[in-house]
Amino acid sequence: MKNIVATKKAPAAIGPYSQGIAIDGLVFTSGQLGLDPATGDFAPGGVEAQTRQSLANIRAVLEEAGTGMDRVVKTTVFLKDMNDFAAMNKVYAEFFGEGGCPARSAVEVAKLPKGGLVEIEAIAVK
């Protein structure tokens, strides 16, 4: 059975989608921008701050679903500018550490919602 995951600790959806879906022992998060859920504004400080907030938002959705960052098996990172890859990667490593990182794709995109610099989605095991 499909369960919708929603938390006030992550930004509300800005369109017709759910923050996350839990089904058959997996949790799929929607892409999370670097938006502060309290203000609705981007975390100040460029791509590093937005990456940190994006991953914090993912963590909040996963925790609401009863899992955590240590159970993430796949992420997709969307960058406005691939020149920001190293800065994003530095922050990303803070959340996943060494040796236990999930599989990942990272791509440059033409534009992100609300003018974001990075958006990240995840799949985790419950």
PDB file of N, CA and C in Angstrom:
ATOM      1  N   MET A   1       0.831  -1.175   0.000  1.00  0.00           N
ATOM      2  CA  MET A   1       0.000   0.000   0.000  1.00  0.00           C
ATOM      3  C   MET A   1       0.881   1.245   0.000  1.00  0.00           C
ATOM      4  N   LYS A   2       0.517   2.206  -0.822  1.00  0.00           N
ATOM      5  CA  LYS A   2       1.253   3.464  -0.939  1.00  0.00           C
ATOM      6  C   LYS A   2       0.841   4.407   0.184  1.00  0.00           C
ATOM      7  N   ASN A   3       1.848   4.945   0.905  1.00  0.00           N
ATOM      8  CA  ASN A   3       1.602   5.910   1.978  1.00  0.00           C
ATOM      9  C   ASN A   3       2.278   7.223   1.642  1.00  0.00           C
ATOM     10  N   ILE A   4       1.549   8.309   1.766  1.00  0.00           N
ATOM     11  CA  ILE A   4       2.102   9.634   1.546  1.00  0.00           C
ATOM     12  C   ILE A   4       2.867  10.057   2.798  1.00  0.00           C
ATOM     13  N   VAL A   5       4.059  10.598   2.610  1.00  0.00           N
ATOM     14  CA  VAL A   5       4.891  11.083   3.701  1.00  0.00           C
ATOM     15  C   VAL A   5       4.867  12.608   3.658  1.00  0.00           C
ATOM     16  N   ALA A   6       4.519  13.222   4.778  1.00  0.00           N
ATOM     17  CA  ALA A   6       4.485  14.680   4.862  1.00  0.00           C
ATOM     18  C   ALA A   6       4.970  15.123   6.233  1.00  0.00           C
ATOM     19  N   THR A   7       5.771  16.173   6.241  1.00  0.00           N
ATOM     20  CA  THR A   7       6.281  16.733   7.486  1.00  0.00           C
ATOM     21  C   THR A   7       6.392  18.242   7.366  1.00  0.00           C
ATOM     22  N   LYS A   8       6.189  18.928   8.468  1.00  0.00           N
ATOM     23  CA  LYS A   8       6.371  20.381   8.503  1.00  0.00           C
ATOM     24  C   LYS A   8       7.843  20.744   8.668  1.00  0.00           C
ATOM     25  N   LYS A   9       8.697  19.725   8.864  1.00  0.00           N
ATOM     26  CA  LYS A   9      10.124  19.969   9.028  1.00  0.00           C
ATOM     27  C   LYS A   9      10.847  20.077   7.687  1.00  0.00           C
ATOM     28  N   ALA A  10      10.095  19.964   6.598  1.00  0.00           N
ATOM     29  CA  ALA A  10      10.614  20.165   5.241  1.00  0.00           C
ATOM     30  C   ALA A  10       9.635  21.086   4.532  1.00  0.00           C
ATOM     31  N   PRO A  11      10.100  21.787   3.494  1.00  0.00           N
ATOM     32  CA  PRO A  11       9.203  22.710   2.797  1.00  0.00           C
ATOM     33  C   PRO A  11       7.978  21.985   2.221  1.00  0.00           C
ATOM     34  N   ALA A  12       6.852  22.661   2.272  1.00  0.00           N
ATOM     35  CA  ALA A  12       5.635  22.119   1.661  1.00  0.00           C
ATOM     36  C   ALA A  12       5.848  22.019   0.158  1.00  0.00           C
ATOM     37  N   ALA A  13       5.169  21.072  -0.461  1.00  0.00           N
ATOM     38  CA  ALA A  13       5.241  20.913  -1.908  1.00  0.00           C
ATOM     39  C   ALA A  13       4.783  22.209  -2.584  1.00  0.00           C
ATOM     40  N   ILE A  14       5.480  22.603  -3.649  1.00  0.00           N
ATOM     41  CA  ILE A  14       5.108  23.811  -4.378  1.00  0.00           C
ATOM     42  C   ILE A  14       4.384  23.456  -5.678  1.00  0.00           C
ATOM     43  N   GLY A  15       3.815  22.268  -5.703  1.00  0.00           N
ATOM     44  CA  GLY A  15       3.070  21.799  -6.862  1.00  0.00           C
ATOM     45  C   GLY A  15       2.279  20.561  -6.484  1.00  0.00           C
ATOM     46  N   PRO A  16       1.697  19.900  -7.477  1.00  0.00           N
ATOM     47  CA  PRO A  16       0.890  18.715  -7.202  1.00  0.00           C
ATOM     48  C   PRO A  16       1.742  17.444  -7.036  1.00  0.00           C
ATOM     49  N   TYR A  17       2.436  17.365  -5.912  1.00  0.00           N
ATOM     50  CA  TYR A  17       3.251  16.192  -5.589  1.00  0.00           C
ATOM     51  C   TYR A  17       3.379  16.069  -4.083  1.00  0.00           C
ATOM     52  N   SER A  18       3.858  14.925  -3.631  1.00  0.00           N
ATOM     53  CA  SER A  18       4.067  14.660  -2.210  1.00  0.00           C
ATOM     54  C   SER A  18       5.539  14.848  -1.860  1.00  0.00           C
ATOM     55  N   GLN A  19       5.814  15.176  -0.608  1.00  0.00           N
ATOM     56  CA  GLN A  19       7.209  15.265  -0.157  1.00  0.00           C
ATOM     57  C   GLN A  19       7.884  13.900  -0.280  1.00  0.00           C
ATOM     58  N   GLY A  20       7.118  12.865  -0.042  1.00  0.00           N
ATOM     59  CA  GLY A  20       7.652  11.518  -0.148  1.00  0.00           C
ATOM     60  C   GLY A  20       6.545  10.496  -0.253  1.00  0.00           C
ATOM     61  N   ILE A  21       6.919   9.312  -0.719  1.00  0.00           N
ATOM     62  CA  ILE A  21       6.009   8.170  -0.815  1.00  0.00           C
ATOM     63  C   ILE A  21       6.728   6.961  -0.220  1.00  0.00           C
ATOM     64  N   ALA A  22       6.047   6.253   0.671  1.00  0.00           N
ATOM     65  CA  ALA A  22       6.570   5.001   1.226  1.00  0.00           C
ATOM     66  C   ALA A  22       5.736   3.857   0.657  1.00  0.00           C
ATOM     67  N   ILE A  23       6.416   2.857   0.120  1.00  0.00           N
ATOM     68  CA  ILE A  23       5.729   1.706  -0.452  1.00  0.00           C
ATOM     69  C   ILE A  23       6.683   0.510  -0.481  1.00  0.00           C
ATOM     70  N   ASP A  24       6.179  -0.640  -0.094  1.00  0.00           N
ATOM     71  CA  ASP A  24       6.928  -1.898  -0.167  1.00  0.00           C
ATOM     72  C   ASP A  24       8.332  -1.813   0.434  1.00  0.00           C
ATOM     73  N   GLY A  25       8.457  -1.160   1.593  1.00  0.00           N
ATOM     74  CA  GLY A  25       9.730  -1.108   2.291  1.00  0.00           C
ATOM     75  C   GLY A  25      10.699  -0.063   1.762  1.00  0.00           C
ATOM     76  N   LEU A  26      10.250   0.762   0.821  1.00  0.00           N
ATOM     77  CA  LEU A  26      11.093   1.819   0.277  1.00  0.00           C
ATOM     78  C   LEU A  26      10.447   3.172   0.510  1.00  0.00           C
ATOM     79  N   VAL A  27      11.282   4.206   0.574  1.00  0.00           N
ATOM     80  CA  VAL A  27      10.796   5.581   0.660  1.00  0.00           C
ATOM     81  C   VAL A  27      11.436   6.360  -0.485  1.00  0.00           C
ATOM     82  N   PHE A  28      10.596   7.020  -1.265  1.00  0.00           N
ATOM     83  CA  PHE A  28      11.023   7.858  -2.374  1.00  0.00           C
ATOM     84  C   PHE A  28      10.744   9.308  -1.998  1.00  0.00           C
ATOM     85  N   THR A  29      11.781  10.133  -1.969  1.00  0.00           N
ATOM     86  CA  THR A  29      11.536  11.551  -1.686  1.00  0.00           C
ATOM     87  C   THR A  29      11.411  12.307  -3.001  1.00  0.00           C
ATOM     88  N   SER A  30      10.587  13.332  -2.982  1.00  0.00           N
ATOM     89  CA  SER A  30      10.583  14.268  -4.104  1.00  0.00           C
ATOM     90  C   SER A  30      11.871  15.069  -4.034  1.00  0.00           C
ATOM     91  N   GLY A  31      12.210  15.700  -5.129  1.00  0.00           N
ATOM     92  CA  GLY A  31      13.383  16.560  -5.136  1.00  0.00           C
ATOM     93  C   GLY A  31      13.224  17.661  -4.110  1.00  0.00           C
ATOM     94  N   GLN A  32      14.264  17.879  -3.347  1.00  0.00           N
ATOM     95  CA  GLN A  32      14.252  18.912  -2.315  1.00  0.00           C
ATOM     96  C   GLN A  32      15.215  20.023  -2.696  1.00  0.00           C
ATOM     97  N   LEU A  33      14.658  21.215  -2.787  1.00  0.00           N
ATOM     98  CA  LEU A  33      15.481  22.405  -2.983  1.00  0.00           C
ATOM     99  C   LEU A  33      16.087  22.803  -1.641  1.00  0.00           C
ATOM    100  N   GLY A  34      16.972  23.769  -1.663  1.00  0.00           N
ATOM    101  CA  GLY A  34      17.593  24.257  -0.430  1.00  0.00           C
ATOM    102  C   GLY A  34      16.755  25.311   0.257  1.00  0.00           C
ATOM    103  N   LEU A  35      15.445  25.057   0.372  1.00  0.00           N
ATOM    104  CA  LEU A  35      14.525  26.002   1.002  1.00  0.00           C
ATOM    105  C   LEU A  35      14.395  25.730   2.491  1.00  0.00           C
ATOM    106  N   ASP A  36      14.460  26.780   3.277  1.00  0.00           N
ATOM    107  CA  ASP A  36      14.237  26.694   4.712  1.00  0.00           C
ATOM    108  C   ASP A  36      12.733  26.499   4.938  1.00  0.00           C
ATOM    109  N   PRO A  37      12.317  25.416   5.593  1.00  0.00           N
ATOM    110  CA  PRO A  37      10.884  25.182   5.777  1.00  0.00           C
ATOM    111  C   PRO A  37      10.194  26.237   6.641  1.00  0.00           C
ATOM    112  N   ALA A  38      10.945  26.925   7.486  1.00  0.00           N
ATOM    113  CA  ALA A  38      10.359  27.939   8.361  1.00  0.00           C
ATOM    114  C   ALA A  38      10.049  29.238   7.617  1.00  0.00           C
ATOM    115  N   THR A  39      10.889  29.568   6.634  1.00  0.00           N
ATOM    116  CA  THR A  39      10.731  30.847   5.940  1.00  0.00           C
ATOM    117  C   THR A  39      10.267  30.702   4.503  1.00  0.00           C
ATOM    118  N   GLY A  40      10.531  29.559   3.901  1.00  0.00           N
ATOM    119  CA  GLY A  40      10.224  29.375   2.480  1.00  0.00           C
ATOM    120  C   GLY A  40      11.265  29.997   1.566  1.00  0.00           C
ATOM    121  N   ASP A  41      12.325  30.540   2.146  1.00  0.00           N
ATOM    122  CA  ASP A  41      13.397  31.162   1.376  1.00  0.00           C
ATOM    123  C   ASP A  41      14.579  30.204   1.248  1.00  0.00           C
ATOM    124  N   PHE A  42      15.400  30.437   0.220  1.00  0.00           N
ATOM    125  CA  PHE A  42      16.610  29.645   0.080  1.00  0.00           C
ATOM    126  C   PHE A  42      17.564  29.932   1.238  1.00  0.00           C
ATOM    127  N   ALA A  43      18.254  28.889   1.674  1.00  0.00           N
ATOM    128  CA  ALA A  43      19.292  29.064   2.685  1.00  0.00           C
ATOM    129  C   ALA A  43      20.339  30.009   2.108  1.00  0.00           C
ATOM    130  N   PRO A  44      20.707  31.067   2.845  1.00  0.00           N
ATOM    131  CA  PRO A  44      21.697  32.006   2.319  1.00  0.00           C
ATOM    132  C   PRO A  44      23.095  31.394   2.351  1.00  0.00           C
ATOM    133  N   GLY A  45      23.880  31.697   1.317  1.00  0.00           N
ATOM    134  CA  GLY A  45      25.255  31.210   1.315  1.00  0.00           C
ATOM    135  C   GLY A  45      25.623  30.408   0.090  1.00  0.00           C
ATOM    136  N   GLY A  46      24.824  30.476  -0.960  1.00  0.00           N
ATOM    137  CA  GLY A  46      25.188  29.821  -2.208  1.00  0.00           C
ATOM    138  C   GLY A  46      24.927  28.329  -2.228  1.00  0.00           C
ATOM    139  N   VAL A  47      25.630  27.645  -3.125  1.00  0.00           N
ATOM    140  CA  VAL A  47      25.338  26.229  -3.382  1.00  0.00           C
ATOM    141  C   VAL A  47      25.629  25.347  -2.161  1.00  0.00           C
ATOM    142  N   GLU A  48      26.644  25.680  -1.370  1.00  0.00           N
ATOM    143  CA  GLU A  48      26.934  24.864  -0.190  1.00  0.00           C
ATOM    144  C   GLU A  48      25.790  24.931   0.802  1.00  0.00           C
ATOM    145  N   ALA A  49      25.297  26.111   1.079  1.00  0.00           N
ATOM    146  CA  ALA A  49      24.190  26.261   2.022  1.00  0.00           C
ATOM    147  C   ALA A  49      22.913  25.615   1.481  1.00  0.00           C
ATOM    148  N   GLN A  50      22.665  25.770   0.187  1.00  0.00           N
ATOM    149  CA  GLN A  50      21.474  25.153  -0.396  1.00  0.00           C
ATOM    150  C   GLN A  50      21.581  23.631  -0.403  1.00  0.00           C
ATOM    151  N   THR A  51      22.769  23.098  -0.629  1.00  0.00           N
ATOM    152  CA  THR A  51      22.965  21.641  -0.572  1.00  0.00           C
ATOM    153  C   THR A  51      22.705  21.138   0.845  1.00  0.00           C
ATOM    154  N   ARG A  52      23.251  21.830   1.826  1.00  0.00           N
ATOM    155  CA  ARG A  52      23.069  21.444   3.233  1.00  0.00           C
ATOM    156  C   ARG A  52      21.574  21.449   3.592  1.00  0.00           C
ATOM    157  N   GLN A  53      20.859  22.481   3.164  1.00  0.00           N
ATOM    158  CA  GLN A  53      19.432  22.566   3.475  1.00  0.00           C
ATOM    159  C   GLN A  53      18.636  21.514   2.711  1.00  0.00           C
ATOM    160  N   SER A  54      18.986  21.275   1.470  1.00  0.00           N
ATOM    161  CA  SER A  54      18.318  20.241   0.680  1.00  0.00           C
ATOM    162  C   SER A  54      18.433  18.880   1.369  1.00  0.00           C
ATOM    163  N   LEU A  55      19.639  18.559   1.818  1.00  0.00           N
ATOM    164  CA  LEU A  55      19.851  17.266   2.486  1.00  0.00           C
ATOM    165  C   LEU A  55      19.177  17.221   3.857  1.00  0.00           C
ATOM    166  N   ALA A  56      19.129  18.337   4.553  1.00  0.00           N
ATOM    167  CA  ALA A  56      18.394  18.397   5.825  1.00  0.00           C
ATOM    168  C   ALA A  56      16.904  18.162   5.579  1.00  0.00           C
ATOM    169  N   ASN A  57      16.393  18.705   4.488  1.00  0.00           N
ATOM    170  CA  ASN A  57      14.988  18.487   4.133  1.00  0.00           C
ATOM    171  C   ASN A  57      14.726  17.018   3.809  1.00  0.00           C
ATOM    172  N   ILE A  58      15.638  16.406   3.083  1.00  0.00           N
ATOM    173  CA  ILE A  58      15.507  14.971   2.787  1.00  0.00           C
ATOM    174  C   ILE A  58      15.519  14.175   4.084  1.00  0.00           C
ATOM    175  N   ARG A  59      16.436  14.506   4.972  1.00  0.00           N
ATOM    176  CA  ARG A  59      16.510  13.811   6.259  1.00  0.00           C
ATOM    177  C   ARG A  59      15.183  13.912   7.007  1.00  0.00           C
ATOM    178  N   ALA A  60      14.564  15.090   7.002  1.00  0.00           N
ATOM    179  CA  ALA A  60      13.290  15.287   7.695  1.00  0.00           C
ATOM    180  C   ALA A  60      12.183  14.421   7.093  1.00  0.00           C
ATOM    181  N   VAL A  61      12.126  14.330   5.783  1.00  0.00           N
ATOM    182  CA  VAL A  61      11.114  13.485   5.128  1.00  0.00           C
ATOM    183  C   VAL A  61      11.363  12.019   5.462  1.00  0.00           C
ATOM    184  N   LEU A  62      12.616  11.597   5.393  1.00  0.00           N
ATOM    185  CA  LEU A  62      12.945  10.200   5.702  1.00  0.00           C
ATOM    186  C   LEU A  62      12.610   9.860   7.150  1.00  0.00           C
ATOM    187  N   GLU A  63      12.946  10.750   8.074  1.00  0.00           N
ATOM    188  CA  GLU A  63      12.644  10.497   9.486  1.00  0.00           C
ATOM    189  C   GLU A  63      11.139  10.403   9.711  1.00  0.00           C
ATOM    190  N   GLU A  64      10.373  11.225   9.034  1.00  0.00           N
ATOM    191  CA  GLU A  64       8.912  11.151   9.140  1.00  0.00           C
ATOM    192  C   GLU A  64       8.405   9.789   8.663  1.00  0.00           C
ATOM    193  N   ALA A  65       9.119   9.211   7.697  1.00  0.00           N
ATOM    194  CA  ALA A  65       8.737   7.901   7.152  1.00  0.00           C
ATOM    195  C   ALA A  65       9.290   6.741   7.976  1.00  0.00           C
ATOM    196  N   GLY A  66      10.083   7.042   9.003  1.00  0.00           N
ATOM    197  CA  GLY A  66      10.623   5.980   9.850  1.00  0.00           C
ATOM    198  C   GLY A  66      11.944   5.404   9.379  1.00  0.00           C
ATOM    199  N   THR A  67      12.707   6.174   8.632  1.00  0.00           N
ATOM    200  CA  THR A  67      14.017   5.718   8.188  1.00  0.00           C
ATOM    201  C   THR A  67      14.998   6.880   8.320  1.00  0.00           C
ATOM    202  N   GLY A  68      16.174   6.758   7.733  1.00  0.00           N
ATOM    203  CA  GLY A  68      17.161   7.818   7.903  1.00  0.00           C
ATOM    204  C   GLY A  68      18.181   7.844   6.784  1.00  0.00           C
ATOM    205  N   MET A  69      19.088   8.784   6.880  1.00  0.00           N
ATOM    206  CA  MET A  69      20.108   8.971   5.850  1.00  0.00           C
ATOM    207  C   MET A  69      21.008   7.740   5.695  1.00  0.00           C
ATOM    208  N   ASP A  70      21.209   7.008   6.767  1.00  0.00           N
ATOM    209  CA  ASP A  70      22.049   5.809   6.696  1.00  0.00           C
ATOM    210  C   ASP A  70      21.398   4.690   5.900  1.00  0.00           C
ATOM    211  N   ARG A  71      20.134   4.840   5.544  1.00  0.00           N
ATOM    212  CA  ARG A  71      19.391   3.822   4.787  1.00  0.00           C
ATOM    213  C   ARG A  71      19.158   4.243   3.335  1.00  0.00           C
ATOM    214  N   VAL A  72      19.732   5.385   2.928  1.00  0.00           N
ATOM    215  CA  VAL A  72      19.588   5.856   1.552  1.00  0.00           C
ATOM    216  C   VAL A  72      20.422   4.977   0.629  1.00  0.00           C
ATOM    217  N   VAL A  73      19.804   4.506  -0.459  1.00  0.00           N
ATOM    218  CA  VAL A  73      20.498   3.636  -1.406  1.00  0.00           C
ATOM    219  C   VAL A  73      20.792   4.325  -2.737  1.00  0.00           C
ATOM    220  N   LYS A  74      20.069   5.426  -3.040  1.00  0.00           N
ATOM    221  CA  LYS A  74      20.271   6.120  -4.313  1.00  0.00           C
ATOM    222  C   LYS A  74      19.857   7.568  -4.185  1.00  0.00           C
ATOM    223  N   THR A  75      20.653   8.463  -4.742  1.00  0.00           N
ATOM    224  CA  THR A  75      20.279   9.872  -4.825  1.00  0.00           C
ATOM    225  C   THR A  75      20.475  10.346  -6.259  1.00  0.00           C
ATOM    226  N   THR A  76      19.758  11.394  -6.578  1.00  0.00           N
ATOM    227  CA  THR A  76      19.978  12.114  -7.833  1.00  0.00           C
ATOM    228  C   THR A  76      20.148  13.575  -7.470  1.00  0.00           C
ATOM    229  N   VAL A  77      21.215  14.172  -7.966  1.00  0.00           N
ATOM    230  CA  VAL A  77      21.540  15.570  -7.695  1.00  0.00           C
ATOM    231  C   VAL A  77      21.388  16.349  -8.999  1.00  0.00           C
ATOM    232  N   PHE A  78      20.615  17.416  -8.936  1.00  0.00           N
ATOM    233  CA  PHE A  78      20.433  18.306 -10.075  1.00  0.00           C
ATOM    234  C   PHE A  78      21.116  19.624  -9.737  1.00  0.00           C
ATOM    235  N   LEU A  79      22.095  20.007 -10.540  1.00  0.00           N
ATOM    236  CA  LEU A  79      22.849  21.240 -10.313  1.00  0.00           C
ATOM    237  C   LEU A  79      22.557  22.252 -11.411  1.00  0.00           C
ATOM    238  N   LYS A  80      22.389  23.491 -11.017  1.00  0.00           N
ATOM    239  CA  LYS A  80      22.216  24.562 -11.993  1.00  0.00           C
ATOM    240  C   LYS A  80      23.504  24.766 -12.774  1.00  0.00           C
ATOM    241  N   ASP A  81      24.640  24.533 -12.123  1.00  0.00           N
ATOM    242  CA  ASP A  81      25.938  24.754 -12.747  1.00  0.00           C
ATOM    243  C   ASP A  81      26.898  23.653 -12.296  1.00  0.00           C
ATOM    244  N   MET A  82      27.385  22.852 -13.233  1.00  0.00           N
ATOM    245  CA  MET A  82      28.278  21.743 -12.893  1.00  0.00           C
ATOM    246  C   MET A  82      29.588  22.248 -12.282  1.00  0.00           C
ATOM    247  N   ASN A  83      29.899  23.524 -12.454  1.00  0.00           N
ATOM    248  CA  ASN A  83      31.075  24.089 -11.796  1.00  0.00           C
ATOM    249  C   ASN A  83      30.919  24.094 -10.278  1.00  0.00           C
ATOM    250  N   ASP A  84      29.691  23.896  -9.780  1.00  0.00           N
ATOM    251  CA  ASP A  84      29.429  23.817  -8.341  1.00  0.00           C
ATOM    252  C   ASP A  84      29.552  22.395  -7.800  1.00  0.00           C
ATOM    253  N   PHE A  85      29.964  21.456  -8.644  1.00  0.00           N
ATOM    254  CA  PHE A  85      30.015  20.046  -8.248  1.00  0.00           C
ATOM    255  C   PHE A  85      30.899  19.826  -7.016  1.00  0.00           C
ATOM    256  N   ALA A  86      32.088  20.392  -6.993  1.00  0.00           N
ATOM    257  CA  ALA A  86      33.004  20.176  -5.861  1.00  0.00           C
ATOM    258  C   ALA A  86      32.431  20.734  -4.566  1.00  0.00           C
ATOM    259  N   ALA A  87      31.831  21.915  -4.632  1.00  0.00           N
ATOM    260  CA  ALA A  87      31.240  22.524  -3.429  1.00  0.00           C
ATOM    261  C   ALA A  87      30.073  21.684  -2.926  1.00  0.00           C
ATOM    262  N   MET A  88      29.226  21.219  -3.846  1.00  0.00           N
ATOM    263  CA  MET A  88      28.106  20.342  -3.459  1.00  0.00           C
ATOM    264  C   MET A  88      28.645  19.059  -2.852  1.00  0.00           C
ATOM    265  N   ASN A  89      29.644  18.485  -3.486  1.00  0.00           N
ATOM    266  CA  ASN A  89      30.206  17.204  -3.052  1.00  0.00           C
ATOM    267  C   ASN A  89      30.767  17.284  -1.637  1.00  0.00           C
ATOM    268  N   LYS A  90      31.390  18.405  -1.314  1.00  0.00           N
ATOM    269  CA  LYS A  90      31.965  18.596   0.022  1.00  0.00           C
ATOM    270  C   LYS A  90      30.876  18.507   1.097  1.00  0.00           C
ATOM    271  N   VAL A  91      29.758  19.181   0.874  1.00  0.00           N
ATOM    272  CA  VAL A  91      28.653  19.158   1.829  1.00  0.00           C
ATOM    273  C   VAL A  91      27.977  17.788   1.822  1.00  0.00           C
ATOM    274  N   TYR A  92      27.789  17.230   0.653  1.00  0.00           N
ATOM    275  CA  TYR A  92      27.169  15.903   0.509  1.00  0.00           C
ATOM    276  C   TYR A  92      27.905  14.873   1.366  1.00  0.00           C
ATOM    277  N   ALA A  93      29.228  14.928   1.346  1.00  0.00           N
ATOM    278  CA  ALA A  93      30.046  13.985   2.124  1.00  0.00           C
ATOM    279  C   ALA A  93      29.806  14.133   3.621  1.00  0.00           C
ATOM    280  N   GLU A  94      29.431  15.324   4.089  1.00  0.00           N
ATOM    281  CA  GLU A  94      29.126  15.523   5.505  1.00  0.00           C
ATOM    282  C   GLU A  94      27.907  14.700   5.930  1.00  0.00           C
ATOM    283  N   PHE A  95      26.988  14.483   5.024  1.00  0.00           N
ATOM    284  CA  PHE A  95      25.759  13.765   5.336  1.00  0.00           C
ATOM    285  C   PHE A  95      25.894  12.255   5.150  1.00  0.00           C
ATOM    286  N   PHE A  96      26.777  11.837   4.271  1.00  0.00           N
ATOM    287  CA  PHE A  96      26.879  10.408   3.972  1.00  0.00           C
ATOM    288  C   PHE A  96      28.206   9.791   4.356  1.00  0.00           C
ATOM    289  N   GLY A  97      29.204  10.584   4.692  1.00  0.00           N
ATOM    290  CA  GLY A  97      30.480  10.043   5.142  1.00  0.00           C
ATOM    291  C   GLY A  97      31.194   9.263   4.059  1.00  0.00           C
ATOM    292  N   GLU A  98      32.197   8.561   4.481  1.00  0.00           N
ATOM    293  CA  GLU A  98      32.990   7.779   3.539  1.00  0.00           C
ATOM    294  C   GLU A  98      32.647   6.305   3.656  1.00  0.00           C
ATOM    295  N   GLY A  99      32.703   5.609   2.537  1.00  0.00           N
ATOM    296  CA  GLY A  99      32.528   4.163   2.527  1.00  0.00           C
ATOM    297  C   GLY A  99      31.088   3.684   2.482  1.00  0.00           C
ATOM    298  N   GLY A 100      30.149   4.464   2.991  1.00  0.00           N
ATOM    299  CA  GLY A 100      28.766   4.022   3.012  1.00  0.00           C
ATOM    300  C   GLY A 100      27.859   4.887   2.149  1.00  0.00           C
ATOM    301  N   CYS A 101      28.455   5.577   1.204  1.00  0.00           N
ATOM    302  CA  CYS A 101      27.665   6.487   0.373  1.00  0.00           C
ATOM    303  C   CYS A 101      26.720   5.706  -0.544  1.00  0.00           C
ATOM    304  N   PRO A 102      25.545   6.294  -0.797  1.00  0.00           N
ATOM    305  CA  PRO A 102      24.608   5.645  -1.719  1.00  0.00           C
ATOM    306  C   PRO A 102      25.073   5.791  -3.169  1.00  0.00           C
ATOM    307  N   ALA A 103      24.453   5.015  -4.045  1.00  0.00           N
ATOM    308  CA  ALA A 103      24.657   5.228  -5.476  1.00  0.00           C
ATOM    309  C   ALA A 103      24.131   6.624  -5.796  1.00  0.00           C
ATOM    310  N   ARG A 104      24.701   7.262  -6.836  1.00  0.00           N
ATOM    311  CA  ARG A 104      24.299   8.642  -7.107  1.00  0.00           C
ATOM    312  C   ARG A 104      24.483   8.983  -8.574  1.00  0.00           C
ATOM    313  N   SER A 105      23.602   9.821  -9.062  1.00  0.00           N
ATOM    314  CA  SER A 105      23.764  10.490 -10.350  1.00  0.00           C
ATOM    315  C   SER A 105      23.784  11.981 -10.060  1.00  0.00           C
ATOM    316  N   ALA A 106      24.558  12.736 -10.834  1.00  0.00           N
ATOM    317  CA  ALA A 106      24.577  14.193 -10.707  1.00  0.00           C
ATOM    318  C   ALA A 106      24.577  14.773 -12.115  1.00  0.00           C
ATOM    319  N   VAL A 107      23.636  15.648 -12.373  1.00  0.00           N
ATOM    320  CA  VAL A 107      23.509  16.232 -13.701  1.00  0.00           C
ATOM    321  C   VAL A 107      23.321  17.739 -13.607  1.00  0.00           C
ATOM    322  N   GLU A 108      23.775  18.435 -14.640  1.00  0.00           N
ATOM    323  CA  GLU A 108      23.519  19.871 -14.755  1.00  0.00           C
ATOM    324  C   GLU A 108      22.199  20.051 -15.493  1.00  0.00           C
ATOM    325  N   VAL A 109      21.404  20.978 -15.012  1.00  0.00           N
ATOM    326  CA  VAL A 109      20.113  21.260 -15.633  1.00  0.00           C
ATOM    327  C   VAL A 109      20.048  22.735 -16.027  1.00  0.00           C
ATOM    328  N   ALA A 110      19.168  23.054 -16.957  1.00  0.00           N
ATOM    329  CA  ALA A 110      19.049  24.425 -17.434  1.00  0.00           C
ATOM    330  C   ALA A 110      18.477  25.358 -16.372  1.00  0.00           C
ATOM    331  N   LYS A 111      17.531  24.851 -15.595  1.00  0.00           N
ATOM    332  CA  LYS A 111      16.866  25.698 -14.611  1.00  0.00           C
ATOM    333  C   LYS A 111      16.231  24.816 -13.548  1.00  0.00           C
ATOM    334  N   LEU A 112      16.190  25.319 -12.312  1.00  0.00           N
ATOM    335  CA  LEU A 112      15.520  24.638 -11.210  1.00  0.00           C
ATOM    336  C   LEU A 112      14.381  25.514 -10.705  1.00  0.00           C
ATOM    337  N   PRO A 113      13.370  24.909 -10.061  1.00  0.00           N
ATOM    338  CA  PRO A 113      12.260  25.703  -9.541  1.00  0.00           C
ATOM    339  C   PRO A 113      12.732  26.836  -8.627  1.00  0.00           C
ATOM    340  N   LYS A 114      12.080  27.949  -8.725  1.00  0.00           N
ATOM    341  CA  LYS A 114      12.326  29.128  -7.886  1.00  0.00           C
ATOM    342  C   LYS A 114      13.745  29.681  -8.025  1.00  0.00           C
ATOM    343  N   GLY A 115      14.471  29.233  -9.053  1.00  0.00           N
ATOM    344  CA  GLY A 115      15.828  29.715  -9.263  1.00  0.00           C
ATOM    345  C   GLY A 115      16.868  29.058  -8.380  1.00  0.00           C
ATOM    346  N   GLY A 116      16.567  27.867  -7.893  1.00  0.00           N
ATOM    347  CA  GLY A 116      17.494  27.152  -7.018  1.00  0.00           C
ATOM    348  C   GLY A 116      18.801  26.798  -7.700  1.00  0.00           C
ATOM    349  N   LEU A 117      19.810  26.532  -6.890  1.00  0.00           N
ATOM    350  CA  LEU A 117      21.123  26.136  -7.386  1.00  0.00           C
ATOM    351  C   LEU A 117      21.321  24.629  -7.372  1.00  0.00           C
ATOM    352  N   VAL A 118      20.569  23.926  -6.510  1.00  0.00           N
ATOM    353  CA  VAL A 118      20.694  22.478  -6.382  1.00  0.00           C
ATOM    354  C   VAL A 118      19.356  21.905  -5.916  1.00  0.00           C
ATOM    355  N   GLU A 119      19.055  20.716  -6.401  1.00  0.00           N
ATOM    356  CA  GLU A 119      17.887  19.957  -5.948  1.00  0.00           C
ATOM    357  C   GLU A 119      18.324  18.507  -5.849  1.00  0.00           C
ATOM    358  N   ILE A 120      17.930  17.843  -4.782  1.00  0.00           N
ATOM    359  CA  ILE A 120      18.347  16.454  -4.555  1.00  0.00           C
ATOM    360  C   ILE A 120      17.125  15.617  -4.211  1.00  0.00           C
ATOM    361  N   GLU A 121      17.070  14.406  -4.764  1.00  0.00           N
ATOM    362  CA  GLU A 121      16.032  13.436  -4.408  1.00  0.00           C
ATOM    363  C   GLU A 121      16.724  12.163  -3.932  1.00  0.00           C
ATOM    364  N   ALA A 122      15.982  11.342  -3.178  1.00  0.00           N
ATOM    365  CA  ALA A 122      16.589  10.142  -2.603  1.00  0.00           C
ATOM    366  C   ALA A 122      15.619   8.976  -2.585  1.00  0.00           C
ATOM    367  N   ILE A 123      16.185   7.783  -2.557  1.00  0.00           N
ATOM    368  CA  ILE A 123      15.445   6.553  -2.328  1.00  0.00           C
ATOM    369  C   ILE A 123      16.105   5.864  -1.138  1.00  0.00           C
ATOM    370  N   ALA A 124      15.295   5.481  -0.162  1.00  0.00           N
ATOM    371  CA  ALA A 124      15.835   4.831   1.041  1.00  0.00           C
ATOM    372  C   ALA A 124      15.046   3.572   1.351  1.00  0.00           C
ATOM    373  N   VAL A 125      15.681   2.672   2.077  1.00  0.00           N
ATOM    374  CA  VAL A 125      15.047   1.458   2.580  1.00  0.00           C
ATOM    375  C   VAL A 125      14.486   1.774   3.960  1.00  0.00           C
ATOM    376  N   LYS A 126      13.299   1.264   4.264  1.00  0.00           N
ATOM    377  CA  LYS A 126      12.722   1.494   5.594  1.00  0.00           C
ATOM    378  C   LYS A 126      13.398   0.616   6.627  1.00  0.00           C
TER     379      LYS A 126
END
